[in-house]
Amino acid sequence: MKTVLFGTSGTIGRAILEEALKRGHEVTAQFQHPEAIEIQHGGLLTLPIDLLRPEEVAQATKGCEAVISAYEPEFGAEGELLEVARSLVEGLKTAGVNRLIIVGGAGSLKTDSGDRLMDTPEFPEEVKPLAAAHADAYEIYAHSGLDYTYASPAAIISPGRRTGQFRIGLDRLVVDENGRSEISVEDYAAAVIDELEEGNFIKARFTVGY
């Protein structure tokens, strides 16, 4: 599938890129420093782009079948998530691209108590601004009219290994028998590309965990 991937400089974006290429997708990837990329795969193009400029988003995505955004702001610039969300929506509509998958946050997922994860006492205070920005950005995508999918990771996502074995949830945090919510970056990437190929959660959110 001809796909444009934004936010590929980060750990999650890089893992999604590698998963997509291994499955034979034709990927155009946005890097801040494309000259430093060492991935050697057929079907990979790189482009510099300012995600805050809808006209650049439109130019970069015109003619593609789907867009994945793994954009993550720098610490202290969480508000850019909302600006990027608006720019993506405007740019994709201009380009005539309707399919969008977003790497989202876990903070707005519901826990067993019914509270959002970011509203629980255990949630780290320093991460709350980012979680709140993700929650607000989700609302932009949900009301965009695009065929969006918002992919929330587990509460803890970290590099590990690709097992291909994980559980899927919707708006509720996925936890194991010990109450922990975890997923490896590699398995999360696999779930994102599964969604790209299968389209099971169009105009919806899903989450993954062990």
N, C-alpha and C. Protein backbone atom coordinates (compact mmCIF):
# COMPACT_ATOMS: atom_id res chain seq x y z
N MET A 1 0.84 -1.19 0.00
CA MET A 1 0.00 0.00 0.00
C MET A 1 0.88 1.24 0.00
N LYS A 2 0.54 2.21 -0.82
CA LYS A 2 1.32 3.44 -0.91
C LYS A 2 0.97 4.34 0.28
N THR A 3 1.93 4.50 1.18
CA THR A 3 1.68 5.15 2.47
C THR A 3 2.69 6.24 2.74
N VAL A 4 2.22 7.34 3.33
CA VAL A 4 3.11 8.38 3.82
C VAL A 4 3.15 8.28 5.34
N LEU A 5 4.35 8.28 5.90
CA LEU A 5 4.53 8.13 7.34
C LEU A 5 5.23 9.36 7.89
N PHE A 6 4.58 10.05 8.82
CA PHE A 6 5.16 11.22 9.47
C PHE A 6 5.66 10.84 10.86
N GLY A 7 6.71 11.54 11.31
CA GLY A 7 7.21 11.32 12.66
C GLY A 7 8.12 10.11 12.78
N THR A 8 8.92 9.86 11.75
CA THR A 8 9.72 8.64 11.72
C THR A 8 11.06 8.77 12.42
N SER A 9 11.35 9.92 13.00
CA SER A 9 12.61 10.08 13.72
C SER A 9 12.55 9.47 15.12
N GLY A 10 11.34 9.28 15.65
CA GLY A 10 11.20 8.73 16.99
C GLY A 10 11.23 7.21 17.01
N THR A 11 11.30 6.65 18.21
CA THR A 11 11.40 5.19 18.36
C THR A 11 10.18 4.48 17.78
N ILE A 12 8.99 4.98 18.07
CA ILE A 12 7.77 4.33 17.60
C ILE A 12 7.64 4.49 16.09
N GLY A 13 7.88 5.69 15.58
CA GLY A 13 7.79 5.91 14.15
C GLY A 13 8.77 5.05 13.37
N ARG A 14 9.96 4.91 13.90
CA ARG A 14 10.98 4.08 13.24
C ARG A 14 10.53 2.62 13.19
N ALA A 15 9.95 2.14 14.30
CA ALA A 15 9.48 0.75 14.34
C ALA A 15 8.33 0.52 13.36
N ILE A 16 7.43 1.50 13.25
CA ILE A 16 6.32 1.40 12.29
C ILE A 16 6.87 1.37 10.87
N LEU A 17 7.86 2.20 10.59
CA LEU A 17 8.48 2.22 9.27
C LEU A 17 9.07 0.85 8.93
N GLU A 18 9.81 0.29 9.85
CA GLU A 18 10.45 -0.99 9.59
C GLU A 18 9.42 -2.09 9.39
N GLU A 19 8.35 -2.07 10.19
CA GLU A 19 7.30 -3.07 10.05
C GLU A 19 6.61 -2.94 8.69
N ALA A 20 6.32 -1.72 8.27
CA ALA A 20 5.65 -1.51 7.00
C ALA A 20 6.52 -1.96 5.83
N LEU A 21 7.81 -1.64 5.88
CA LEU A 21 8.70 -2.02 4.80
C LEU A 21 8.87 -3.53 4.72
N LYS A 22 8.97 -4.18 5.88
CA LYS A 22 9.11 -5.64 5.88
C LYS A 22 7.90 -6.32 5.25
N ARG A 23 6.74 -5.68 5.35
CA ARG A 23 5.53 -6.26 4.78
C ARG A 23 5.30 -5.85 3.33
N GLY A 24 6.24 -5.11 2.78
CA GLY A 24 6.17 -4.79 1.37
C GLY A 24 5.41 -3.55 1.00
N HIS A 25 5.14 -2.67 1.97
CA HIS A 25 4.43 -1.43 1.66
C HIS A 25 5.39 -0.41 1.04
N GLU A 26 4.87 0.39 0.16
CA GLU A 26 5.63 1.49 -0.43
C GLU A 26 5.48 2.70 0.48
N VAL A 27 6.56 3.10 1.13
CA VAL A 27 6.48 4.12 2.18
C VAL A 27 7.28 5.36 1.80
N THR A 28 6.65 6.51 1.94
CA THR A 28 7.35 7.78 1.90
C THR A 28 7.42 8.28 3.33
N ALA A 29 8.62 8.46 3.85
CA ALA A 29 8.80 8.75 5.26
C ALA A 29 9.35 10.16 5.46
N GLN A 30 8.83 10.84 6.48
CA GLN A 30 9.29 12.18 6.82
C GLN A 30 10.30 12.09 7.95
N PHE A 31 11.51 12.57 7.69
CA PHE A 31 12.57 12.62 8.69
C PHE A 31 13.05 14.06 8.84
N GLN A 32 13.48 14.39 10.04
CA GLN A 32 14.11 15.69 10.21
C GLN A 32 15.47 15.73 9.53
N HIS A 33 16.17 14.59 9.55
CA HIS A 33 17.49 14.51 8.94
C HIS A 33 17.57 13.25 8.07
N PRO A 34 16.93 13.26 6.90
CA PRO A 34 16.88 12.05 6.09
C PRO A 34 18.24 11.55 5.64
N GLU A 35 19.24 12.42 5.59
CA GLU A 35 20.55 11.97 5.15
C GLU A 35 21.20 11.02 6.15
N ALA A 36 20.68 10.98 7.39
CA ALA A 36 21.27 10.13 8.42
C ALA A 36 20.63 8.74 8.48
N ILE A 37 19.62 8.49 7.66
CA ILE A 37 18.91 7.23 7.73
C ILE A 37 19.73 6.11 7.12
N GLU A 38 19.79 5.00 7.84
CA GLU A 38 20.61 3.87 7.40
C GLU A 38 19.77 2.68 6.96
N ILE A 39 18.44 2.76 7.03
CA ILE A 39 17.60 1.64 6.63
C ILE A 39 17.77 1.40 5.13
N GLN A 40 18.04 0.18 4.76
CA GLN A 40 18.22 -0.17 3.36
C GLN A 40 17.07 -1.09 2.93
N HIS A 41 16.05 -0.51 2.37
CA HIS A 41 14.89 -1.25 1.90
C HIS A 41 14.45 -0.69 0.57
N GLY A 42 13.90 -1.54 -0.27
CA GLY A 42 13.21 -1.05 -1.44
C GLY A 42 11.90 -0.44 -1.01
N GLY A 43 11.41 0.49 -1.81
CA GLY A 43 10.10 1.07 -1.50
C GLY A 43 10.13 2.19 -0.49
N LEU A 44 11.34 2.71 -0.13
CA LEU A 44 11.42 3.79 0.84
C LEU A 44 11.89 5.08 0.17
N LEU A 45 11.09 6.12 0.33
CA LEU A 45 11.49 7.46 -0.07
C LEU A 45 11.48 8.33 1.18
N THR A 46 12.29 9.37 1.20
CA THR A 46 12.29 10.28 2.35
C THR A 46 12.01 11.69 1.86
N LEU A 47 11.40 12.49 2.73
CA LEU A 47 11.14 13.88 2.37
C LEU A 47 11.18 14.75 3.61
N PRO A 48 11.71 15.97 3.49
CA PRO A 48 11.63 16.93 4.58
C PRO A 48 10.28 17.65 4.49
N ILE A 49 9.67 17.90 5.63
CA ILE A 49 8.35 18.54 5.60
C ILE A 49 8.11 19.24 6.93
N ASP A 50 7.40 20.34 6.88
CA ASP A 50 6.96 21.05 8.08
C ASP A 50 5.50 20.68 8.31
N LEU A 51 5.25 19.86 9.32
CA LEU A 51 3.89 19.38 9.58
C LEU A 51 2.95 20.48 10.03
N LEU A 52 3.47 21.63 10.37
CA LEU A 52 2.62 22.73 10.78
C LEU A 52 2.09 23.52 9.58
N ARG A 53 2.50 23.14 8.39
CA ARG A 53 2.07 23.84 7.17
C ARG A 53 1.18 22.91 6.35
N PRO A 54 -0.14 23.14 6.36
CA PRO A 54 -1.07 22.25 5.65
C PRO A 54 -0.75 22.09 4.17
N GLU A 55 -0.22 23.15 3.55
CA GLU A 55 0.09 23.06 2.13
C GLU A 55 1.22 22.07 1.86
N GLU A 56 2.17 21.96 2.80
CA GLU A 56 3.24 20.98 2.65
C GLU A 56 2.72 19.58 2.90
N VAL A 57 1.81 19.43 3.86
CA VAL A 57 1.17 18.13 4.11
C VAL A 57 0.42 17.68 2.85
N ALA A 58 -0.31 18.59 2.23
CA ALA A 58 -1.08 18.25 1.02
C ALA A 58 -0.15 17.83 -0.11
N GLN A 59 0.93 18.55 -0.28
CA GLN A 59 1.87 18.24 -1.35
C GLN A 59 2.51 16.88 -1.12
N ALA A 60 2.86 16.57 0.13
CA ALA A 60 3.55 15.33 0.45
C ALA A 60 2.64 14.10 0.36
N THR A 61 1.35 14.30 0.54
CA THR A 61 0.44 13.16 0.63
C THR A 61 -0.41 12.94 -0.62
N LYS A 62 -0.40 13.87 -1.53
CA LYS A 62 -1.25 13.75 -2.72
C LYS A 62 -0.90 12.47 -3.49
N GLY A 63 -1.92 11.67 -3.77
CA GLY A 63 -1.73 10.44 -4.53
C GLY A 63 -1.46 9.21 -3.70
N CYS A 64 -1.30 9.37 -2.38
CA CYS A 64 -1.07 8.19 -1.55
C CYS A 64 -2.40 7.56 -1.14
N GLU A 65 -2.34 6.33 -0.63
CA GLU A 65 -3.55 5.63 -0.21
C GLU A 65 -3.86 5.83 1.27
N ALA A 66 -2.84 6.07 2.07
CA ALA A 66 -3.04 6.22 3.51
C ALA A 66 -1.90 7.02 4.11
N VAL A 67 -2.17 7.62 5.26
CA VAL A 67 -1.17 8.38 6.00
C VAL A 67 -1.14 7.85 7.44
N ILE A 68 0.06 7.68 7.96
CA ILE A 68 0.25 7.35 9.38
C ILE A 68 1.04 8.49 10.01
N SER A 69 0.54 9.01 11.12
CA SER A 69 1.27 10.06 11.83
C SER A 69 1.75 9.54 13.18
N ALA A 70 3.07 9.48 13.33
CA ALA A 70 3.68 9.12 14.61
C ALA A 70 4.35 10.35 15.22
N TYR A 71 3.87 11.52 14.85
CA TYR A 71 4.46 12.77 15.34
C TYR A 71 4.36 12.85 16.86
N GLU A 72 5.45 13.26 17.47
CA GLU A 72 5.48 13.47 18.92
C GLU A 72 6.23 14.77 19.20
N PRO A 73 5.63 15.71 19.94
CA PRO A 73 6.30 16.99 20.18
C PRO A 73 7.43 16.86 21.18
N GLU A 74 8.30 17.84 21.17
CA GLU A 74 9.35 17.89 22.19
C GLU A 74 8.75 18.27 23.53
N PHE A 75 9.44 17.93 24.59
CA PHE A 75 8.97 18.26 25.93
C PHE A 75 8.80 19.77 26.06
N GLY A 76 7.63 20.18 26.56
CA GLY A 76 7.34 21.60 26.72
C GLY A 76 6.64 22.21 25.53
N ALA A 77 6.52 21.45 24.43
CA ALA A 77 5.85 21.96 23.22
C ALA A 77 4.62 21.11 22.91
N GLU A 78 3.96 20.67 23.97
CA GLU A 78 2.82 19.75 23.78
C GLU A 78 1.69 20.36 22.94
N GLY A 79 1.57 21.68 23.00
CA GLY A 79 0.51 22.34 22.23
C GLY A 79 0.63 22.13 20.74
N GLU A 80 1.83 21.78 20.27
CA GLU A 80 2.01 21.54 18.84
C GLU A 80 1.21 20.33 18.36
N LEU A 81 0.87 19.43 19.28
CA LEU A 81 0.04 18.29 18.88
C LEU A 81 -1.27 18.76 18.25
N LEU A 82 -1.86 19.79 18.82
CA LEU A 82 -3.13 20.30 18.30
C LEU A 82 -2.91 21.01 16.97
N GLU A 83 -1.83 21.78 16.86
CA GLU A 83 -1.54 22.46 15.61
C GLU A 83 -1.28 21.45 14.50
N VAL A 84 -0.55 20.41 14.81
CA VAL A 84 -0.26 19.37 13.81
C VAL A 84 -1.54 18.64 13.42
N ALA A 85 -2.40 18.36 14.41
CA ALA A 85 -3.66 17.68 14.11
C ALA A 85 -4.49 18.49 13.11
N ARG A 86 -4.60 19.79 13.36
CA ARG A 86 -5.38 20.64 12.46
C ARG A 86 -4.73 20.71 11.08
N SER A 87 -3.40 20.79 11.04
CA SER A 87 -2.68 20.87 9.78
C SER A 87 -2.84 19.57 8.98
N LEU A 88 -2.76 18.43 9.66
CA LEU A 88 -2.93 17.15 8.99
C LEU A 88 -4.32 17.04 8.37
N VAL A 89 -5.33 17.37 9.14
CA VAL A 89 -6.70 17.27 8.65
C VAL A 89 -6.90 18.16 7.43
N GLU A 90 -6.44 19.41 7.52
CA GLU A 90 -6.60 20.34 6.40
C GLU A 90 -5.81 19.88 5.19
N GLY A 91 -4.57 19.47 5.43
CA GLY A 91 -3.72 19.05 4.32
C GLY A 91 -4.23 17.81 3.62
N LEU A 92 -4.71 16.83 4.38
CA LEU A 92 -5.22 15.60 3.77
C LEU A 92 -6.50 15.86 2.98
N LYS A 93 -7.34 16.74 3.48
CA LYS A 93 -8.56 17.07 2.73
C LYS A 93 -8.21 17.77 1.42
N THR A 94 -7.23 18.65 1.47
CA THR A 94 -6.79 19.31 0.24
C THR A 94 -6.23 18.31 -0.76
N ALA A 95 -5.49 17.32 -0.26
CA ALA A 95 -4.87 16.32 -1.12
C ALA A 95 -5.86 15.25 -1.59
N GLY A 96 -7.04 15.21 -0.98
CA GLY A 96 -8.01 14.18 -1.33
C GLY A 96 -7.68 12.82 -0.75
N VAL A 97 -6.96 12.80 0.36
CA VAL A 97 -6.62 11.55 1.05
C VAL A 97 -7.51 11.41 2.26
N ASN A 98 -8.17 10.27 2.39
CA ASN A 98 -9.17 10.12 3.44
C ASN A 98 -8.73 9.22 4.59
N ARG A 99 -7.73 8.39 4.38
CA ARG A 99 -7.34 7.39 5.39
C ARG A 99 -6.17 7.89 6.22
N LEU A 100 -6.37 7.95 7.53
CA LEU A 100 -5.35 8.46 8.46
C LEU A 100 -5.32 7.60 9.70
N ILE A 101 -4.12 7.14 10.06
CA ILE A 101 -3.90 6.41 11.31
C ILE A 101 -2.98 7.25 12.19
N ILE A 102 -3.39 7.47 13.42
CA ILE A 102 -2.63 8.33 14.34
C ILE A 102 -2.07 7.51 15.48
N VAL A 103 -0.78 7.69 15.74
CA VAL A 103 -0.16 7.16 16.96
C VAL A 103 -0.56 8.10 18.08
N GLY A 104 -1.43 7.62 18.96
CA GLY A 104 -1.99 8.47 20.00
C GLY A 104 -1.40 8.21 21.37
N GLY A 105 -2.08 8.72 22.38
CA GLY A 105 -1.66 8.53 23.75
C GLY A 105 -2.59 7.57 24.48
N ALA A 106 -2.14 7.13 25.64
CA ALA A 106 -2.94 6.21 26.46
C ALA A 106 -3.69 6.94 27.57
N GLY A 107 -3.36 8.20 27.81
CA GLY A 107 -3.89 8.90 28.98
C GLY A 107 -5.39 9.03 29.03
N SER A 108 -6.05 9.10 27.87
CA SER A 108 -7.51 9.27 27.87
C SER A 108 -8.27 7.95 27.84
N LEU A 109 -7.56 6.82 27.87
CA LEU A 109 -8.23 5.52 27.96
C LEU A 109 -8.88 5.37 29.34
N LYS A 110 -9.99 4.67 29.38
CA LYS A 110 -10.69 4.44 30.65
C LYS A 110 -10.07 3.27 31.40
N THR A 111 -10.01 3.39 32.70
CA THR A 111 -9.54 2.31 33.56
C THR A 111 -10.74 1.55 34.12
N ASP A 112 -10.48 0.52 34.88
CA ASP A 112 -11.58 -0.27 35.45
C ASP A 112 -12.46 0.55 36.38
N SER A 113 -11.90 1.60 36.95
CA SER A 113 -12.68 2.45 37.85
C SER A 113 -13.62 3.39 37.09
N GLY A 114 -13.42 3.47 35.78
CA GLY A 114 -14.21 4.39 34.96
C GLY A 114 -13.52 5.73 34.74
N ASP A 115 -12.45 5.97 35.48
CA ASP A 115 -11.68 7.20 35.31
C ASP A 115 -10.73 7.08 34.12
N ARG A 116 -10.39 8.22 33.52
CA ARG A 116 -9.35 8.20 32.51
C ARG A 116 -8.02 7.90 33.20
N LEU A 117 -7.14 7.22 32.48
CA LEU A 117 -5.84 6.87 33.05
C LEU A 117 -5.13 8.10 33.57
N MET A 118 -5.18 9.22 32.84
CA MET A 118 -4.44 10.40 33.27
C MET A 118 -5.07 11.09 34.48
N ASP A 119 -6.27 10.68 34.85
CA ASP A 119 -6.92 11.24 36.04
C ASP A 119 -6.74 10.38 37.28
N THR A 120 -6.03 9.27 37.16
CA THR A 120 -5.80 8.39 38.30
C THR A 120 -4.63 8.91 39.13
N PRO A 121 -4.59 8.63 40.43
CA PRO A 121 -3.52 9.15 41.30
C PRO A 121 -2.12 8.68 40.89
N GLU A 122 -2.03 7.53 40.25
CA GLU A 122 -0.72 6.97 39.91
C GLU A 122 -0.11 7.59 38.67
N PHE A 123 -0.90 8.34 37.92
CA PHE A 123 -0.39 8.86 36.65
C PHE A 123 0.65 9.95 36.92
N PRO A 124 1.83 9.87 36.28
CA PRO A 124 2.91 10.83 36.55
C PRO A 124 2.50 12.27 36.23
N GLU A 125 2.71 13.16 37.15
CA GLU A 125 2.30 14.55 36.99
C GLU A 125 2.99 15.21 35.80
N GLU A 126 4.27 14.86 35.59
CA GLU A 126 5.02 15.52 34.53
C GLU A 126 4.55 15.13 33.12
N VAL A 127 3.80 14.05 33.03
CA VAL A 127 3.33 13.58 31.72
C VAL A 127 1.92 14.10 31.41
N LYS A 128 1.25 14.68 32.40
CA LYS A 128 -0.14 15.10 32.21
C LYS A 128 -0.34 16.12 31.09
N PRO A 129 0.54 17.11 30.92
CA PRO A 129 0.33 18.05 29.80
C PRO A 129 0.34 17.36 28.44
N LEU A 130 1.22 16.39 28.27
CA LEU A 130 1.26 15.64 27.02
C LEU A 130 0.01 14.79 26.85
N ALA A 131 -0.42 14.14 27.93
CA ALA A 131 -1.63 13.30 27.87
C ALA A 131 -2.86 14.14 27.54
N ALA A 132 -2.94 15.32 28.14
CA ALA A 132 -4.08 16.21 27.87
C ALA A 132 -4.07 16.69 26.43
N ALA A 133 -2.88 16.97 25.90
CA ALA A 133 -2.78 17.41 24.50
C ALA A 133 -3.19 16.29 23.55
N HIS A 134 -2.78 15.07 23.85
CA HIS A 134 -3.20 13.92 23.05
C HIS A 134 -4.72 13.77 23.08
N ALA A 135 -5.31 13.94 24.25
CA ALA A 135 -6.77 13.82 24.37
C ALA A 135 -7.48 14.87 23.53
N ASP A 136 -6.97 16.09 23.54
CA ASP A 136 -7.58 17.17 22.76
C ASP A 136 -7.38 16.92 21.26
N ALA A 137 -6.21 16.43 20.88
CA ALA A 137 -5.95 16.13 19.48
C ALA A 137 -6.87 15.02 18.98
N TYR A 138 -7.12 14.04 19.84
CA TYR A 138 -8.04 12.95 19.47
C TYR A 138 -9.41 13.50 19.07
N GLU A 139 -9.87 14.50 19.79
CA GLU A 139 -11.18 15.09 19.46
C GLU A 139 -11.16 15.76 18.09
N ILE A 140 -10.04 16.34 17.73
CA ILE A 140 -9.92 16.96 16.40
C ILE A 140 -10.04 15.89 15.32
N TYR A 141 -9.34 14.78 15.50
CA TYR A 141 -9.43 13.71 14.52
C TYR A 141 -10.82 13.09 14.48
N ALA A 142 -11.42 12.94 15.65
CA ALA A 142 -12.73 12.29 15.72
C ALA A 142 -13.82 13.09 15.03
N HIS A 143 -13.63 14.41 14.92
CA HIS A 143 -14.62 15.27 14.28
C HIS A 143 -14.15 15.78 12.92
N SER A 144 -13.14 15.12 12.35
CA SER A 144 -12.53 15.60 11.11
C SER A 144 -13.31 15.20 9.87
N GLY A 145 -14.10 14.14 9.97
CA GLY A 145 -14.77 13.60 8.78
C GLY A 145 -13.89 12.66 7.99
N LEU A 146 -12.62 12.51 8.36
CA LEU A 146 -11.73 11.58 7.69
C LEU A 146 -11.96 10.15 8.18
N ASP A 147 -11.49 9.18 7.43
CA ASP A 147 -11.49 7.79 7.88
C ASP A 147 -10.27 7.59 8.77
N TYR A 148 -10.36 8.13 9.98
CA TYR A 148 -9.24 8.08 10.90
C TYR A 148 -9.29 6.81 11.74
N THR A 149 -8.13 6.42 12.25
CA THR A 149 -8.03 5.44 13.33
C THR A 149 -7.04 5.99 14.33
N TYR A 150 -7.44 6.01 15.60
CA TYR A 150 -6.57 6.53 16.66
C TYR A 150 -6.05 5.32 17.43
N ALA A 151 -4.74 5.08 17.34
CA ALA A 151 -4.13 3.89 17.93
C ALA A 151 -3.44 4.25 19.24
N SER A 152 -4.07 3.90 20.36
CA SER A 152 -3.49 4.18 21.67
C SER A 152 -2.65 3.00 22.13
N PRO A 153 -1.45 3.25 22.61
CA PRO A 153 -0.64 2.16 23.16
C PRO A 153 -1.11 1.79 24.57
N ALA A 154 -0.48 0.80 25.15
CA ALA A 154 -0.70 0.49 26.56
C ALA A 154 -0.13 1.62 27.42
N ALA A 155 -0.37 1.54 28.73
CA ALA A 155 0.14 2.58 29.63
C ALA A 155 1.66 2.66 29.59
N ILE A 156 2.31 1.51 29.43
CA ILE A 156 3.77 1.46 29.33
C ILE A 156 4.13 0.88 27.97
N ILE A 157 4.86 1.65 27.18
CA ILE A 157 5.35 1.17 25.88
C ILE A 157 6.84 1.40 25.84
N SER A 158 7.59 0.36 25.55
CA SER A 158 9.05 0.45 25.56
C SER A 158 9.62 -0.55 24.56
N PRO A 159 10.84 -0.30 24.08
CA PRO A 159 11.45 -1.24 23.14
C PRO A 159 11.58 -2.62 23.76
N GLY A 160 11.37 -3.63 22.95
CA GLY A 160 11.45 -5.01 23.42
C GLY A 160 11.60 -5.94 22.25
N ARG A 161 10.65 -6.84 22.08
CA ARG A 161 10.70 -7.74 20.93
C ARG A 161 9.32 -7.89 20.32
N ARG A 162 9.30 -8.30 19.09
CA ARG A 162 8.05 -8.49 18.36
C ARG A 162 7.57 -9.92 18.58
N THR A 163 6.48 -10.09 19.29
CA THR A 163 5.92 -11.42 19.53
C THR A 163 4.74 -11.72 18.61
N GLY A 164 4.03 -10.67 18.18
CA GLY A 164 2.83 -10.87 17.39
C GLY A 164 1.65 -11.33 18.22
N GLN A 165 1.84 -11.40 19.53
CA GLN A 165 0.79 -11.88 20.44
C GLN A 165 0.41 -10.76 21.40
N PHE A 166 -0.77 -10.18 21.19
CA PHE A 166 -1.24 -9.11 22.06
C PHE A 166 -2.75 -9.06 21.97
N ARG A 167 -3.36 -8.33 22.89
CA ARG A 167 -4.81 -8.20 22.92
C ARG A 167 -5.22 -6.81 22.47
N ILE A 168 -6.39 -6.74 21.89
CA ILE A 168 -6.93 -5.50 21.35
C ILE A 168 -8.06 -5.01 22.24
N GLY A 169 -8.10 -3.72 22.50
CA GLY A 169 -9.21 -3.10 23.21
C GLY A 169 -9.70 -1.89 22.43
N LEU A 170 -10.74 -1.26 22.95
CA LEU A 170 -11.29 -0.06 22.31
C LEU A 170 -10.93 1.17 23.13
N ASP A 171 -11.84 1.63 23.99
CA ASP A 171 -11.58 2.83 24.79
C ASP A 171 -11.12 2.51 26.21
N ARG A 172 -10.99 1.22 26.52
CA ARG A 172 -10.60 0.82 27.87
C ARG A 172 -9.19 0.26 27.85
N LEU A 173 -8.41 0.66 28.84
CA LEU A 173 -7.02 0.22 28.97
C LEU A 173 -6.95 -1.31 29.04
N VAL A 174 -6.07 -1.92 28.28
CA VAL A 174 -5.86 -3.36 28.32
C VAL A 174 -4.82 -3.67 29.40
N VAL A 175 -5.18 -4.50 30.35
CA VAL A 175 -4.28 -4.87 31.44
C VAL A 175 -4.16 -6.39 31.52
N ASP A 176 -3.06 -6.86 32.10
CA ASP A 176 -2.88 -8.30 32.27
C ASP A 176 -3.46 -8.74 33.60
N GLU A 177 -3.23 -10.01 33.95
CA GLU A 177 -3.82 -10.56 35.18
C GLU A 177 -3.28 -9.92 36.45
N ASN A 178 -2.15 -9.20 36.32
CA ASN A 178 -1.58 -8.49 37.47
C ASN A 178 -1.92 -7.00 37.47
N GLY A 179 -2.78 -6.61 36.54
CA GLY A 179 -3.20 -5.22 36.48
C GLY A 179 -2.23 -4.30 35.77
N ARG A 180 -1.20 -4.87 35.11
CA ARG A 180 -0.23 -4.06 34.38
C ARG A 180 -0.67 -3.89 32.93
N SER A 181 -0.39 -2.74 32.40
CA SER A 181 -0.72 -2.43 31.01
C SER A 181 0.58 -2.12 30.28
N GLU A 182 1.02 -3.07 29.44
CA GLU A 182 2.31 -2.93 28.77
C GLU A 182 2.21 -3.42 27.33
N ILE A 183 3.08 -2.90 26.48
CA ILE A 183 3.23 -3.37 25.10
C ILE A 183 4.64 -3.00 24.64
N SER A 184 5.25 -3.83 23.85
CA SER A 184 6.54 -3.46 23.27
C SER A 184 6.32 -2.53 22.09
N VAL A 185 7.30 -1.71 21.80
CA VAL A 185 7.21 -0.82 20.63
C VAL A 185 7.02 -1.65 19.37
N GLU A 186 7.70 -2.80 19.30
CA GLU A 186 7.64 -3.63 18.11
C GLU A 186 6.26 -4.23 17.90
N ASP A 187 5.61 -4.69 18.97
CA ASP A 187 4.26 -5.24 18.83
C ASP A 187 3.24 -4.15 18.56
N TYR A 188 3.45 -2.98 19.15
CA TYR A 188 2.56 -1.85 18.84
C TYR A 188 2.65 -1.52 17.36
N ALA A 189 3.86 -1.49 16.82
CA ALA A 189 4.04 -1.21 15.40
C ALA A 189 3.34 -2.26 14.54
N ALA A 190 3.41 -3.51 14.97
CA ALA A 190 2.73 -4.58 14.24
C ALA A 190 1.22 -4.35 14.23
N ALA A 191 0.67 -3.91 15.36
CA ALA A 191 -0.77 -3.64 15.45
C ALA A 191 -1.17 -2.49 14.54
N VAL A 192 -0.32 -1.47 14.44
CA VAL A 192 -0.61 -0.32 13.58
C VAL A 192 -0.65 -0.75 12.11
N ILE A 193 0.31 -1.56 11.69
CA ILE A 193 0.33 -2.00 10.30
C ILE A 193 -0.78 -3.02 10.04
N ASP A 194 -1.15 -3.81 11.04
CA ASP A 194 -2.34 -4.66 10.90
C ASP A 194 -3.55 -3.81 10.55
N GLU A 195 -3.68 -2.69 11.26
CA GLU A 195 -4.83 -1.80 11.01
C GLU A 195 -4.74 -1.17 9.63
N LEU A 196 -3.54 -0.81 9.20
CA LEU A 196 -3.37 -0.27 7.86
C LEU A 196 -3.88 -1.26 6.81
N GLU A 197 -3.58 -2.53 7.01
CA GLU A 197 -3.94 -3.55 6.03
C GLU A 197 -5.39 -4.00 6.14
N GLU A 198 -5.92 -4.03 7.36
CA GLU A 198 -7.24 -4.63 7.57
C GLU A 198 -8.37 -3.62 7.76
N GLY A 199 -8.07 -2.46 8.29
CA GLY A 199 -9.08 -1.42 8.48
C GLY A 199 -10.23 -1.83 9.38
N ASN A 200 -9.90 -2.42 10.52
CA ASN A 200 -10.94 -2.88 11.44
C ASN A 200 -11.51 -1.77 12.33
N PHE A 201 -10.80 -0.64 12.43
CA PHE A 201 -11.20 0.40 13.39
C PHE A 201 -11.29 1.77 12.72
N ILE A 202 -11.93 1.82 11.58
CA ILE A 202 -12.10 3.09 10.88
C ILE A 202 -13.12 3.95 11.61
N LYS A 203 -12.77 5.23 11.77
CA LYS A 203 -13.56 6.20 12.55
C LYS A 203 -13.73 5.73 14.00
N ALA A 204 -12.64 5.21 14.57
CA ALA A 204 -12.68 4.67 15.93
C ALA A 204 -11.27 4.69 16.52
N ARG A 205 -11.22 4.37 17.80
CA ARG A 205 -9.95 4.22 18.51
C ARG A 205 -9.78 2.76 18.89
N PHE A 206 -8.54 2.30 18.90
CA PHE A 206 -8.26 1.00 19.49
C PHE A 206 -6.98 1.09 20.30
N THR A 207 -6.78 0.10 21.16
CA THR A 207 -5.57 0.05 21.96
C THR A 207 -5.08 -1.39 22.02
N VAL A 208 -3.83 -1.57 22.41
CA VAL A 208 -3.24 -2.90 22.48
C VAL A 208 -2.51 -3.07 23.79
N GLY A 209 -2.39 -4.30 24.24
CA GLY A 209 -1.64 -4.62 25.46
C GLY A 209 -1.52 -6.13 25.58
N TYR A 210 -0.67 -6.55 26.50
CA TYR A 210 -0.47 -7.99 26.70
C TYR A 210 -1.51 -8.55 27.67
